[in-house]
Amino acid sequence: MIKNKTILAIIPARAGSKGLANKNTRKLENIPLIAYTINSAKHSTYIDTIIVSTDCLEIANIAKEYGANVPFLRPAEFAADMSPSSEFILHVLRWLEVNENKSYDILCLLQPTSPFRKSRDIDLSLEKFINSKRADSLVSINETRRTPYWMKTIDDGGFIRDFIEHKEINSRRQDLPKIYEPNGAIYIMACSDFVEFETFYTSKTTFYLMDQTSSVDIDDILDFKLAELILKENLVRLNEFIL
């Protein structure tokens, strides 16, 4: 709880994954990937309840082992490849209201593919969101490593063209405008607003800036190998995530 606002963390972890099979249960330093996010949420100062939304019994059992709540298995219609994320989030909120007569003030979505997001990142994000009087939501971001100003496209004739026309296209990287991208680690919004907008993005979405290492998002085997290398080289410390 923060400033008398109750906080619900939802960790989505369906079984299907095209980029990396069984990634949520895959062992990173002998610890299931999803456990990193569960433990970060558990050690948040402000999160009141952690719910894992999954359609997989194996994931559910691992989540319970590490201290998350799994009060139901996600219905198949909310777990398909093309199912929008808004559907399973709304399902969680409605299930809690109908089955447990519970509602929360603030929703914090934490994707398990971001293992190096710390509890401190969660708490600072929540503090920034709560203290912002104008923001509808908050999304974590990082500075892009490759500027889109240097990216190319291919025209109908098969020739390379600039993707973005810009007078500074040949400038040094440090002279170009800074560009940011969502890193998938943290999404925050009032529950009532999410029910209304069904998205974390509005014209008043603020940000929480994270560094490149903390922003690692595991989508395929290359991402997973990068995460293993980061731990092997002690670029982050394992005890920061698994306590």
C-alpha atoms as a PDB file:
ATOM      1  CA  MET A   1       0.000   0.000   0.000  1.00  0.00           C
ATOM      2  CA  ILE A   2       1.167   3.526  -0.742  1.00  0.00           C
ATOM      3  CA  LYS A   3      -0.648   6.659   0.430  1.00  0.00           C
ATOM      4  CA  ASN A   4      -3.633   4.480   1.367  1.00  0.00           C
ATOM      5  CA  LYS A   5      -3.789   3.053  -2.156  1.00  0.00           C
ATOM      6  CA  THR A   6      -3.870  -0.737  -2.409  1.00  0.00           C
ATOM      7  CA  ILE A   7      -1.540  -2.266  -5.011  1.00  0.00           C
ATOM      8  CA  LEU A   8      -2.223  -5.389  -7.065  1.00  0.00           C
ATOM      9  CA  ALA A   9       0.672  -6.922  -9.023  1.00  0.00           C
ATOM     10  CA  ILE A  10      -0.257  -9.168 -11.951  1.00  0.00           C
ATOM     11  CA  ILE A  11       2.392 -11.414 -13.484  1.00  0.00           C
ATOM     12  CA  PRO A  12       1.252 -12.912 -16.821  1.00  0.00           C
ATOM     13  CA  ALA A  13       2.781 -16.275 -17.720  1.00  0.00           C
ATOM     14  CA  ARG A  14       0.964 -18.361 -20.290  1.00  0.00           C
ATOM     15  CA  ALA A  15       2.369 -21.680 -21.476  1.00  0.00           C
ATOM     16  CA  GLY A  16       2.651 -20.911 -25.180  1.00  0.00           C
ATOM     17  CA  SER A  17       5.740 -19.088 -26.480  1.00  0.00           C
ATOM     18  CA  LYS A  18       6.893 -19.028 -30.071  1.00  0.00           C
ATOM     19  CA  GLY A  19      10.200 -17.247 -29.453  1.00  0.00           C
ATOM     20  CA  LEU A  20      11.510 -19.556 -26.706  1.00  0.00           C
ATOM     21  CA  ALA A  21       9.657 -22.689 -25.652  1.00  0.00           C
ATOM     22  CA  ASN A  22       8.703 -22.900 -21.966  1.00  0.00           C
ATOM     23  CA  LYS A  23      10.601 -19.692 -21.243  1.00  0.00           C
ATOM     24  CA  ASN A  24       8.717 -18.858 -18.039  1.00  0.00           C
ATOM     25  CA  THR A  25       9.880 -22.082 -16.378  1.00  0.00           C
ATOM     26  CA  ARG A  26      13.290 -22.213 -18.047  1.00  0.00           C
ATOM     27  CA  LYS A  27      16.106 -22.204 -15.485  1.00  0.00           C
ATOM     28  CA  LEU A  28      18.324 -19.119 -15.321  1.00  0.00           C
ATOM     29  CA  GLU A  29      21.147 -19.963 -12.896  1.00  0.00           C
ATOM     30  CA  ASN A  30      19.056 -22.961 -11.748  1.00  0.00           C
ATOM     31  CA  ILE A  31      16.104 -20.720 -10.874  1.00  0.00           C
ATOM     32  CA  PRO A  32      12.897 -20.593 -12.974  1.00  0.00           C
ATOM     33  CA  LEU A  33      12.685 -17.363 -14.947  1.00  0.00           C
ATOM     34  CA  ILE A  34       9.323 -16.416 -13.447  1.00  0.00           C
ATOM     35  CA  ALA A  35      10.782 -16.613  -9.923  1.00  0.00           C
ATOM     36  CA  TYR A  36      12.904 -13.510 -10.523  1.00  0.00           C
ATOM     37  CA  THR A  37       9.816 -11.373 -11.060  1.00  0.00           C
ATOM     38  CA  ILE A  38       7.882 -12.981  -8.208  1.00  0.00           C
ATOM     39  CA  ASN A  39      10.715 -12.282  -5.794  1.00  0.00           C
ATOM     40  CA  SER A  40      11.096  -8.674  -6.946  1.00  0.00           C
ATOM     41  CA  ALA A  41       7.384  -8.176  -6.368  1.00  0.00           C
ATOM     42  CA  LYS A  42       7.525  -9.910  -2.966  1.00  0.00           C
ATOM     43  CA  HIS A  43      10.238  -7.537  -1.783  1.00  0.00           C
ATOM     44  CA  SER A  44       8.457  -4.428  -2.973  1.00  0.00           C
ATOM     45  CA  THR A  45       7.576  -2.123  -0.107  1.00  0.00           C
ATOM     46  CA  TYR A  46       4.184  -1.296  -1.552  1.00  0.00           C
ATOM     47  CA  ILE A  47       2.680  -4.310  -3.360  1.00  0.00           C
ATOM     48  CA  ASP A  48      -0.150  -5.901  -1.371  1.00  0.00           C
ATOM     49  CA  THR A  49      -1.067  -8.905  -3.515  1.00  0.00           C
ATOM     50  CA  ILE A  50       0.766 -10.808  -6.258  1.00  0.00           C
ATOM     51  CA  ILE A  51      -1.297 -12.833  -8.706  1.00  0.00           C
ATOM     52  CA  VAL A  52       0.135 -14.954 -11.490  1.00  0.00           C
ATOM     53  CA  SER A  53      -2.251 -15.332 -14.416  1.00  0.00           C
ATOM     54  CA  THR A  54      -1.372 -18.550 -16.232  1.00  0.00           C
ATOM     55  CA  ASP A  55      -3.041 -21.308 -18.211  1.00  0.00           C
ATOM     56  CA  CYS A  56      -0.360 -23.822 -17.206  1.00  0.00           C
ATOM     57  CA  LEU A  57      -0.444 -26.033 -14.102  1.00  0.00           C
ATOM     58  CA  GLU A  58       3.356 -26.358 -14.027  1.00  0.00           C
ATOM     59  CA  ILE A  59       3.791 -22.577 -14.028  1.00  0.00           C
ATOM     60  CA  ALA A  60       1.073 -22.280 -11.391  1.00  0.00           C
ATOM     61  CA  ASN A  61       2.843 -24.732  -9.089  1.00  0.00           C
ATOM     62  CA  ILE A  62       6.201 -22.972  -9.484  1.00  0.00           C
ATOM     63  CA  ALA A  63       4.564 -19.588  -8.848  1.00  0.00           C
ATOM     64  CA  LYS A  64       2.973 -20.888  -5.643  1.00  0.00           C
ATOM     65  CA  GLU A  65       6.288 -22.393  -4.545  1.00  0.00           C
ATOM     66  CA  TYR A  66       7.905 -18.956  -4.787  1.00  0.00           C
ATOM     67  CA  GLY A  67       5.089 -17.225  -2.932  1.00  0.00           C
ATOM     68  CA  ALA A  68       2.689 -15.861  -5.554  1.00  0.00           C
ATOM     69  CA  ASN A  69      -1.070 -16.365  -5.547  1.00  0.00           C
ATOM     70  CA  VAL A  70      -2.602 -18.428  -8.343  1.00  0.00           C
ATOM     71  CA  PRO A  71      -6.303 -18.562  -7.480  1.00  0.00           C
ATOM     72  CA  PHE A  72      -7.339 -19.857 -10.922  1.00  0.00           C
ATOM     73  CA  LEU A  73      -5.987 -21.060 -14.246  1.00  0.00           C
ATOM     74  CA  ARG A  74      -6.465 -18.558 -17.042  1.00  0.00           C
ATOM     75  CA  PRO A  75      -9.291 -19.588 -19.425  1.00  0.00           C
ATOM     76  CA  ALA A  76      -8.128 -20.672 -22.877  1.00  0.00           C
ATOM     77  CA  GLU A  77      -9.892 -17.785 -24.610  1.00  0.00           C
ATOM     78  CA  PHE A  78      -7.585 -15.353 -22.807  1.00  0.00           C
ATOM     79  CA  ALA A  79      -4.399 -17.367 -23.457  1.00  0.00           C
ATOM     80  CA  ALA A  80      -4.247 -17.601 -27.255  1.00  0.00           C
ATOM     81  CA  ASP A  81      -1.354 -16.170 -29.282  1.00  0.00           C
ATOM     82  CA  MET A  82      -3.503 -13.325 -30.561  1.00  0.00           C
ATOM     83  CA  SER A  83      -5.293 -12.567 -27.293  1.00  0.00           C
ATOM     84  CA  PRO A  84      -4.741  -8.919 -26.322  1.00  0.00           C
ATOM     85  CA  SER A  85      -3.174  -8.375 -22.904  1.00  0.00           C
ATOM     86  CA  SER A  86      -6.144  -6.273 -21.824  1.00  0.00           C
ATOM     87  CA  GLU A  87      -8.353  -9.386 -21.786  1.00  0.00           C
ATOM     88  CA  PHE A  88      -6.425 -11.363 -19.154  1.00  0.00           C
ATOM     89  CA  ILE A  89      -5.941  -8.258 -17.010  1.00  0.00           C
ATOM     90  CA  LEU A  90      -9.661  -7.505 -17.045  1.00  0.00           C
ATOM     91  CA  HIS A  91     -10.308 -11.185 -16.331  1.00  0.00           C
ATOM     92  CA  VAL A  92      -8.149 -10.989 -13.175  1.00  0.00           C
ATOM     93  CA  LEU A  93      -9.881  -7.831 -11.940  1.00  0.00           C
ATOM     94  CA  ARG A  94     -13.359  -9.254 -12.570  1.00  0.00           C
ATOM     95  CA  TRP A  95     -12.500 -12.641 -11.045  1.00  0.00           C
ATOM     96  CA  LEU A  96     -11.284 -11.012  -7.835  1.00  0.00           C
ATOM     97  CA  GLU A  97     -14.386  -8.857  -7.598  1.00  0.00           C
ATOM     98  CA  VAL A  98     -16.834 -11.692  -8.252  1.00  0.00           C
ATOM     99  CA  ASN A  99     -15.129 -14.544  -6.408  1.00  0.00           C
ATOM    100  CA  GLU A 100     -13.338 -12.826  -3.532  1.00  0.00           C
ATOM    101  CA  ASN A 101     -15.208  -9.531  -3.313  1.00  0.00           C
ATOM    102  CA  LYS A 102     -11.881  -7.736  -3.640  1.00  0.00           C
ATOM    103  CA  SER A 103     -10.845  -4.656  -5.557  1.00  0.00           C
ATOM    104  CA  TYR A 104      -7.603  -2.704  -5.656  1.00  0.00           C
ATOM    105  CA  ASP A 105      -6.702   0.889  -6.360  1.00  0.00           C
ATOM    106  CA  ILE A 106      -3.563   0.465  -8.436  1.00  0.00           C
ATOM    107  CA  LEU A 107      -2.586  -2.190 -10.968  1.00  0.00           C
ATOM    108  CA  CYS A 108       1.086  -3.034 -11.515  1.00  0.00           C
ATOM    109  CA  LEU A 109       1.782  -5.389 -14.426  1.00  0.00           C
ATOM    110  CA  LEU A 110       5.155  -7.165 -14.196  1.00  0.00           C
ATOM    111  CA  GLN A 111       6.155  -9.366 -17.113  1.00  0.00           C
ATOM    112  CA  PRO A 112       8.282 -12.386 -16.139  1.00  0.00           C
ATOM    113  CA  THR A 113      10.511 -11.921 -19.191  1.00  0.00           C
ATOM    114  CA  SER A 114      12.252  -9.026 -17.377  1.00  0.00           C
ATOM    115  CA  PRO A 115      14.336 -10.886 -14.771  1.00  0.00           C
ATOM    116  CA  PHE A 116      16.627  -7.989 -13.843  1.00  0.00           C
ATOM    117  CA  ARG A 117      13.939  -5.525 -12.795  1.00  0.00           C
ATOM    118  CA  LYS A 118      14.569  -4.933  -9.086  1.00  0.00           C
ATOM    119  CA  SER A 119      12.068  -4.370  -6.286  1.00  0.00           C
ATOM    120  CA  ARG A 120      13.570  -0.888  -6.021  1.00  0.00           C
ATOM    121  CA  ASP A 121      12.532  -0.219  -9.632  1.00  0.00           C
ATOM    122  CA  ILE A 122       8.979  -1.257  -8.773  1.00  0.00           C
ATOM    123  CA  ASP A 123       8.862   0.961  -5.699  1.00  0.00           C
ATOM    124  CA  LEU A 124      10.334   4.015  -7.430  1.00  0.00           C
ATOM    125  CA  SER A 125       7.880   3.562 -10.293  1.00  0.00           C
ATOM    126  CA  LEU A 126       4.940   3.377  -7.914  1.00  0.00           C
ATOM    127  CA  GLU A 127       6.162   6.438  -6.023  1.00  0.00           C
ATOM    128  CA  LYS A 128       6.517   8.425  -9.233  1.00  0.00           C
ATOM    129  CA  PHE A 129       3.072   7.409 -10.449  1.00  0.00           C
ATOM    130  CA  ILE A 130       1.327   8.107  -7.151  1.00  0.00           C
ATOM    131  CA  ASN A 131       3.043  11.478  -6.785  1.00  0.00           C
ATOM    132  CA  SER A 132       2.165  12.517 -10.326  1.00  0.00           C
ATOM    133  CA  LYS A 133      -1.050  14.490 -10.277  1.00  0.00           C
ATOM    134  CA  ARG A 134      -1.470  14.491 -14.060  1.00  0.00           C
ATOM    135  CA  ALA A 135      -0.417  11.037 -15.289  1.00  0.00           C
ATOM    136  CA  ASP A 136      -2.962   8.368 -16.207  1.00  0.00           C
ATOM    137  CA  SER A 137      -0.332   5.632 -16.246  1.00  0.00           C
ATOM    138  CA  LEU A 138       3.368   4.809 -16.086  1.00  0.00           C
ATOM    139  CA  VAL A 139       5.473   2.604 -18.376  1.00  0.00           C
ATOM    140  CA  SER A 140       9.115   1.643 -17.873  1.00  0.00           C
ATOM    141  CA  ILE A 141      11.483   2.524 -20.714  1.00  0.00           C
ATOM    142  CA  ASN A 142      15.137   2.475 -21.685  1.00  0.00           C
ATOM    143  CA  GLU A 143      17.166   4.464 -24.189  1.00  0.00           C
ATOM    144  CA  THR A 144      17.400   2.636 -27.517  1.00  0.00           C
ATOM    145  CA  ARG A 145      20.777   1.226 -28.475  1.00  0.00           C
ATOM    146  CA  ARG A 146      20.174   1.722 -32.205  1.00  0.00           C
ATOM    147  CA  THR A 147      18.812   5.046 -33.355  1.00  0.00           C
ATOM    148  CA  PRO A 148      15.935   4.849 -35.850  1.00  0.00           C
ATOM    149  CA  TYR A 149      17.426   7.885 -37.623  1.00  0.00           C
ATOM    150  CA  TRP A 150      20.025   5.569 -39.168  1.00  0.00           C
ATOM    151  CA  MET A 151      17.558   2.823 -40.106  1.00  0.00           C
ATOM    152  CA  LYS A 152      16.708   2.057 -43.707  1.00  0.00           C
ATOM    153  CA  THR A 153      13.814   0.713 -45.714  1.00  0.00           C
ATOM    154  CA  ILE A 154      13.664  -0.856 -49.172  1.00  0.00           C
ATOM    155  CA  ASP A 155      11.580   0.786 -51.879  1.00  0.00           C
ATOM    156  CA  ASP A 156       9.538  -0.918 -54.589  1.00  0.00           C
ATOM    157  CA  GLY A 157      12.533  -0.878 -56.887  1.00  0.00           C
ATOM    158  CA  GLY A 158      14.674  -2.799 -54.412  1.00  0.00           C
ATOM    159  CA  PHE A 159      16.829   0.141 -53.352  1.00  0.00           C
ATOM    160  CA  ILE A 160      17.729   1.255 -49.832  1.00  0.00           C
ATOM    161  CA  ARG A 161      16.088   4.465 -48.632  1.00  0.00           C
ATOM    162  CA  ASP A 162      16.121   6.371 -45.347  1.00  0.00           C
ATOM    163  CA  PHE A 163      13.330   5.182 -43.064  1.00  0.00           C
ATOM    164  CA  ILE A 164      13.125   8.613 -41.443  1.00  0.00           C
ATOM    165  CA  GLU A 165      13.839  11.755 -43.440  1.00  0.00           C
ATOM    166  CA  HIS A 166      15.849  13.995 -41.152  1.00  0.00           C
ATOM    167  CA  LYS A 167      18.353  16.772 -41.681  1.00  0.00           C
ATOM    168  CA  GLU A 168      20.561  15.278 -38.958  1.00  0.00           C
ATOM    169  CA  ILE A 169      20.601  11.812 -40.513  1.00  0.00           C
ATOM    170  CA  ASN A 170      24.400  11.835 -40.964  1.00  0.00           C
ATOM    171  CA  SER A 171      25.154  13.278 -37.547  1.00  0.00           C
ATOM    172  CA  ARG A 172      27.126  11.449 -34.903  1.00  0.00           C
ATOM    173  CA  ARG A 173      24.995   9.283 -32.631  1.00  0.00           C
ATOM    174  CA  GLN A 174      25.574  11.569 -29.661  1.00  0.00           C
ATOM    175  CA  ASP A 175      24.245  14.511 -31.689  1.00  0.00           C
ATOM    176  CA  LEU A 176      20.951  12.831 -32.564  1.00  0.00           C
ATOM    177  CA  PRO A 177      17.789  13.172 -30.447  1.00  0.00           C
ATOM    178  CA  LYS A 178      17.515  10.564 -27.690  1.00  0.00           C
ATOM    179  CA  ILE A 179      14.967   7.853 -28.453  1.00  0.00           C
ATOM    180  CA  TYR A 180      13.361   5.544 -25.896  1.00  0.00           C
ATOM    181  CA  GLU A 181      11.469   2.275 -26.052  1.00  0.00           C
ATOM    182  CA  PRO A 182       9.219   0.421 -23.597  1.00  0.00           C
ATOM    183  CA  ASN A 183      11.243  -2.379 -22.013  1.00  0.00           C
ATOM    184  CA  GLY A 184       8.299  -4.513 -20.848  1.00  0.00           C
ATOM    185  CA  ALA A 185       9.322  -4.509 -17.190  1.00  0.00           C
ATOM    186  CA  ILE A 186       6.747  -2.305 -15.416  1.00  0.00           C
ATOM    187  CA  TYR A 187       3.279  -0.993 -16.290  1.00  0.00           C
ATOM    188  CA  ILE A 188       1.196   0.934 -13.734  1.00  0.00           C
ATOM    189  CA  MET A 189      -2.331   2.353 -13.825  1.00  0.00           C
ATOM    190  CA  ALA A 190      -5.316   2.841 -11.580  1.00  0.00           C
ATOM    191  CA  CYS A 191      -7.510  -0.257 -11.868  1.00  0.00           C
ATOM    192  CA  SER A 192     -10.588   1.843 -12.630  1.00  0.00           C
ATOM    193  CA  ASP A 193      -8.733   3.653 -15.419  1.00  0.00           C
ATOM    194  CA  PHE A 194      -7.548   0.391 -16.950  1.00  0.00           C
ATOM    195  CA  VAL A 195     -11.134  -0.858 -17.041  1.00  0.00           C
ATOM    196  CA  GLU A 196     -12.020   2.340 -18.905  1.00  0.00           C
ATOM    197  CA  PHE A 197      -9.055   2.598 -21.322  1.00  0.00           C
ATOM    198  CA  GLU A 198      -8.082  -1.109 -21.622  1.00  0.00           C
ATOM    199  CA  THR A 199      -4.507   0.012 -22.312  1.00  0.00           C
ATOM    200  CA  PHE A 200      -1.608   1.471 -20.350  1.00  0.00           C
ATOM    201  CA  TYR A 201      -1.007   4.067 -23.051  1.00  0.00           C
ATOM    202  CA  THR A 202      -2.892   7.347 -23.024  1.00  0.00           C
ATOM    203  CA  SER A 203      -1.960  10.917 -23.889  1.00  0.00           C
ATOM    204  CA  LYS A 204      -0.825  11.236 -20.256  1.00  0.00           C
ATOM    205  CA  THR A 205       1.467   8.239 -19.821  1.00  0.00           C
ATOM    206  CA  THR A 206       4.582   9.011 -17.812  1.00  0.00           C
ATOM    207  CA  PHE A 207       7.764   6.924 -17.623  1.00  0.00           C
ATOM    208  CA  TYR A 208      10.310   5.238 -15.403  1.00  0.00           C
ATOM    209  CA  LEU A 209      13.766   5.138 -16.998  1.00  0.00           C
ATOM    210  CA  MET A 210      15.837   1.968 -16.566  1.00  0.00           C
ATOM    211  CA  ASP A 211      19.367   1.112 -17.685  1.00  0.00           C
ATOM    212  CA  GLN A 212      20.192  -1.345 -20.459  1.00  0.00           C
ATOM    213  CA  THR A 213      21.113  -4.263 -18.186  1.00  0.00           C
ATOM    214  CA  SER A 214      17.990  -3.980 -16.051  1.00  0.00           C
ATOM    215  CA  SER A 215      15.937  -3.722 -19.243  1.00  0.00           C
ATOM    216  CA  VAL A 216      16.874  -7.135 -20.673  1.00  0.00           C
ATOM    217  CA  ASP A 217      13.646  -8.637 -22.040  1.00  0.00           C
ATOM    218  CA  ILE A 218      13.786 -12.347 -22.831  1.00  0.00           C
ATOM    219  CA  ASP A 219      11.934 -13.192 -26.015  1.00  0.00           C
ATOM    220  CA  ASP A 220      14.209 -15.751 -27.681  1.00  0.00           C
ATOM    221  CA  ILE A 221      17.284 -17.893 -27.067  1.00  0.00           C
ATOM    222  CA  LEU A 222      19.691 -15.010 -27.806  1.00  0.00           C
ATOM    223  CA  ASP A 223      18.050 -12.908 -25.107  1.00  0.00           C
ATOM    224  CA  PHE A 224      18.275 -15.813 -22.684  1.00  0.00           C
ATOM    225  CA  LYS A 225      21.967 -16.350 -23.434  1.00  0.00           C
ATOM    226  CA  LEU A 226      22.550 -12.637 -22.858  1.00  0.00           C
ATOM    227  CA  ALA A 227      20.879 -12.902 -19.446  1.00  0.00           C
ATOM    228  CA  GLU A 228      23.104 -15.888 -18.592  1.00  0.00           C
ATOM    229  CA  LEU A 229      26.186 -13.916 -19.649  1.00  0.00           C
ATOM    230  CA  ILE A 230      25.153 -10.913 -17.541  1.00  0.00           C
ATOM    231  CA  LEU A 231      24.974 -13.134 -14.454  1.00  0.00           C
ATOM    232  CA  LYS A 232      28.176 -14.995 -15.320  1.00  0.00           C
ATOM    233  CA  GLU A 233      30.104 -11.738 -15.707  1.00  0.00           C
ATOM    234  CA  ASN A 234      28.609 -10.367 -12.466  1.00  0.00           C
ATOM    235  CA  LEU A 235      27.118  -7.382 -14.271  1.00  0.00           C
ATOM    236  CA  VAL A 236      24.268  -7.896 -11.843  1.00  0.00           C
ATOM    237  CA  ARG A 237      24.285  -9.856  -8.606  1.00  0.00           C
ATOM    238  CA  LEU A 238      21.976 -12.828  -8.267  1.00  0.00           C
ATOM    239  CA  ASN A 239      21.078 -11.960  -4.679  1.00  0.00           C
ATOM    240  CA  GLU A 240      19.531  -8.716  -5.892  1.00  0.00           C
ATOM    241  CA  PHE A 241      16.673 -10.743  -7.364  1.00  0.00           C
ATOM    242  CA  ILE A 242      16.452 -14.019  -5.437  1.00  0.00           C
ATOM    243  CA  LEU A 243      16.466 -13.328  -1.686  1.00  0.00           C
END
